[in-house]
């Protein structure tokens, strides 16, 4: 899909992320309709180390994910 997620700000690039996720899932023969089970299948791959990396980083590419990770640590 020609996006380098290590460089772009995903929040600014993808105005409708669900449609992009659907396109990505279609590439591997899966369907994405924003059902809870599909969201859980995707987010289950986020590790504790991923969360710590986001919290410790000054990277501003995905502020909403950073905010989400910050909230996880608070609880």
C-alpha atoms as a PDB file:
ATOM      1  CA  UNK A   1       0.000   0.000   0.000  1.00  0.00           C
ATOM      2  CA  UNK A   2       3.112   2.158  -0.160  1.00  0.00           C
ATOM      3  CA  UNK A   3       3.014   3.638   3.351  1.00  0.00           C
ATOM      4  CA  UNK A   4       6.066   3.695   5.603  1.00  0.00           C
ATOM      5  CA  UNK A   5       4.539   3.704   9.090  1.00  0.00           C
ATOM      6  CA  UNK A   6       7.919   4.491  10.623  1.00  0.00           C
ATOM      7  CA  UNK A   7       7.876   7.852   8.833  1.00  0.00           C
ATOM      8  CA  UNK A   8       4.286   9.053   8.385  1.00  0.00           C
ATOM      9  CA  UNK A   9       1.813  10.353  10.942  1.00  0.00           C
ATOM     10  CA  UNK A  10      -0.927   7.754  10.585  1.00  0.00           C
ATOM     11  CA  UNK A  11      -3.530   9.962  12.251  1.00  0.00           C
ATOM     12  CA  UNK A  12      -3.010  12.674   9.666  1.00  0.00           C
ATOM     13  CA  UNK A  13      -2.572  10.346   6.690  1.00  0.00           C
ATOM     14  CA  UNK A  14      -5.589   8.089   7.270  1.00  0.00           C
ATOM     15  CA  UNK A  15      -8.763  10.087   7.746  1.00  0.00           C
ATOM     16  CA  UNK A  16     -10.850   6.889   7.667  1.00  0.00           C
ATOM     17  CA  UNK A  17      -8.617   4.252   9.256  1.00  0.00           C
ATOM     18  CA  UNK A  18     -11.283   1.537   9.175  1.00  0.00           C
ATOM     19  CA  UNK A  19     -11.273   1.590   5.380  1.00  0.00           C
ATOM     20  CA  UNK A  20      -7.466   1.250   5.339  1.00  0.00           C
ATOM     21  CA  UNK A  21      -7.594  -1.612   7.845  1.00  0.00           C
ATOM     22  CA  UNK A  22     -10.230  -3.264   5.656  1.00  0.00           C
ATOM     23  CA  UNK A  23      -7.971  -2.918   2.598  1.00  0.00           C
ATOM     24  CA  UNK A  24      -5.026  -4.398   4.510  1.00  0.00           C
ATOM     25  CA  UNK A  25      -7.107  -7.310   5.792  1.00  0.00           C
ATOM     26  CA  UNK A  26      -8.415  -7.968   2.285  1.00  0.00           C
ATOM     27  CA  UNK A  27      -4.803  -8.353   1.085  1.00  0.00           C
ATOM     28  CA  UNK A  28      -4.483 -11.442   3.283  1.00  0.00           C
ATOM     29  CA  UNK A  29      -7.962 -12.777   2.548  1.00  0.00           C
ATOM     30  CA  UNK A  30      -9.658 -11.533   5.714  1.00  0.00           C
ATOM     31  CA  UNK A  31     -12.659  -9.278   6.222  1.00  0.00           C
ATOM     32  CA  UNK A  32     -12.870  -6.276   8.573  1.00  0.00           C
ATOM     33  CA  UNK A  33     -16.241  -4.807   9.592  1.00  0.00           C
ATOM     34  CA  UNK A  34     -15.270  -3.186  12.921  1.00  0.00           C
ATOM     35  CA  UNK A  35     -16.768  -6.011  14.973  1.00  0.00           C
ATOM     36  CA  UNK A  36     -15.416  -6.423  18.501  1.00  0.00           C
ATOM     37  CA  UNK A  37     -13.878  -9.800  17.678  1.00  0.00           C
ATOM     38  CA  UNK A  38     -11.973  -8.296  14.746  1.00  0.00           C
ATOM     39  CA  UNK A  39     -10.683  -5.396  16.833  1.00  0.00           C
ATOM     40  CA  UNK A  40      -9.627  -7.845  19.557  1.00  0.00           C
ATOM     41  CA  UNK A  41      -7.850 -10.033  16.980  1.00  0.00           C
ATOM     42  CA  UNK A  42      -5.817  -7.031  15.809  1.00  0.00           C
ATOM     43  CA  UNK A  43      -5.106  -5.447  19.194  1.00  0.00           C
ATOM     44  CA  UNK A  44      -4.169  -8.778  20.784  1.00  0.00           C
ATOM     45  CA  UNK A  45      -0.846  -8.458  18.957  1.00  0.00           C
ATOM     46  CA  UNK A  46       0.084  -5.282  20.864  1.00  0.00           C
ATOM     47  CA  UNK A  47       2.630  -6.314  23.472  1.00  0.00           C
ATOM     48  CA  UNK A  48       3.566  -4.724  26.766  1.00  0.00           C
ATOM     49  CA  UNK A  49       6.893  -3.773  25.186  1.00  0.00           C
ATOM     50  CA  UNK A  50       5.016  -2.000  22.367  1.00  0.00           C
ATOM     51  CA  UNK A  51       3.122   0.043  24.952  1.00  0.00           C
ATOM     52  CA  UNK A  52       6.282   0.911  26.889  1.00  0.00           C
ATOM     53  CA  UNK A  53       8.051   1.894  23.654  1.00  0.00           C
ATOM     54  CA  UNK A  54       5.220   4.289  22.777  1.00  0.00           C
ATOM     55  CA  UNK A  55       5.129   5.820  26.254  1.00  0.00           C
ATOM     56  CA  UNK A  56       8.895   6.320  26.389  1.00  0.00           C
ATOM     57  CA  UNK A  57       9.112   7.728  22.866  1.00  0.00           C
ATOM     58  CA  UNK A  58       8.914  11.371  21.866  1.00  0.00           C
ATOM     59  CA  UNK A  59       7.512  10.257  18.516  1.00  0.00           C
ATOM     60  CA  UNK A  60       4.386  12.239  17.615  1.00  0.00           C
ATOM     61  CA  UNK A  61       3.179  10.005  14.753  1.00  0.00           C
ATOM     62  CA  UNK A  62       0.166   8.632  16.624  1.00  0.00           C
ATOM     63  CA  UNK A  63      -0.916  10.784  19.549  1.00  0.00           C
ATOM     64  CA  UNK A  64      -4.183   8.912  20.159  1.00  0.00           C
ATOM     65  CA  UNK A  65      -2.329   5.595  20.543  1.00  0.00           C
ATOM     66  CA  UNK A  66       0.132   7.253  22.927  1.00  0.00           C
ATOM     67  CA  UNK A  67      -2.787   8.633  24.946  1.00  0.00           C
ATOM     68  CA  UNK A  68      -4.362   5.159  24.990  1.00  0.00           C
ATOM     69  CA  UNK A  69      -1.089   3.623  26.220  1.00  0.00           C
ATOM     70  CA  UNK A  70      -0.701   6.320  28.880  1.00  0.00           C
ATOM     71  CA  UNK A  71      -4.209   5.497  30.125  1.00  0.00           C
ATOM     72  CA  UNK A  72      -3.358   1.796  30.304  1.00  0.00           C
ATOM     73  CA  UNK A  73      -0.383   2.488  32.547  1.00  0.00           C
ATOM     74  CA  UNK A  74      -2.463   4.687  34.876  1.00  0.00           C
ATOM     75  CA  UNK A  75      -4.840   1.823  35.649  1.00  0.00           C
END
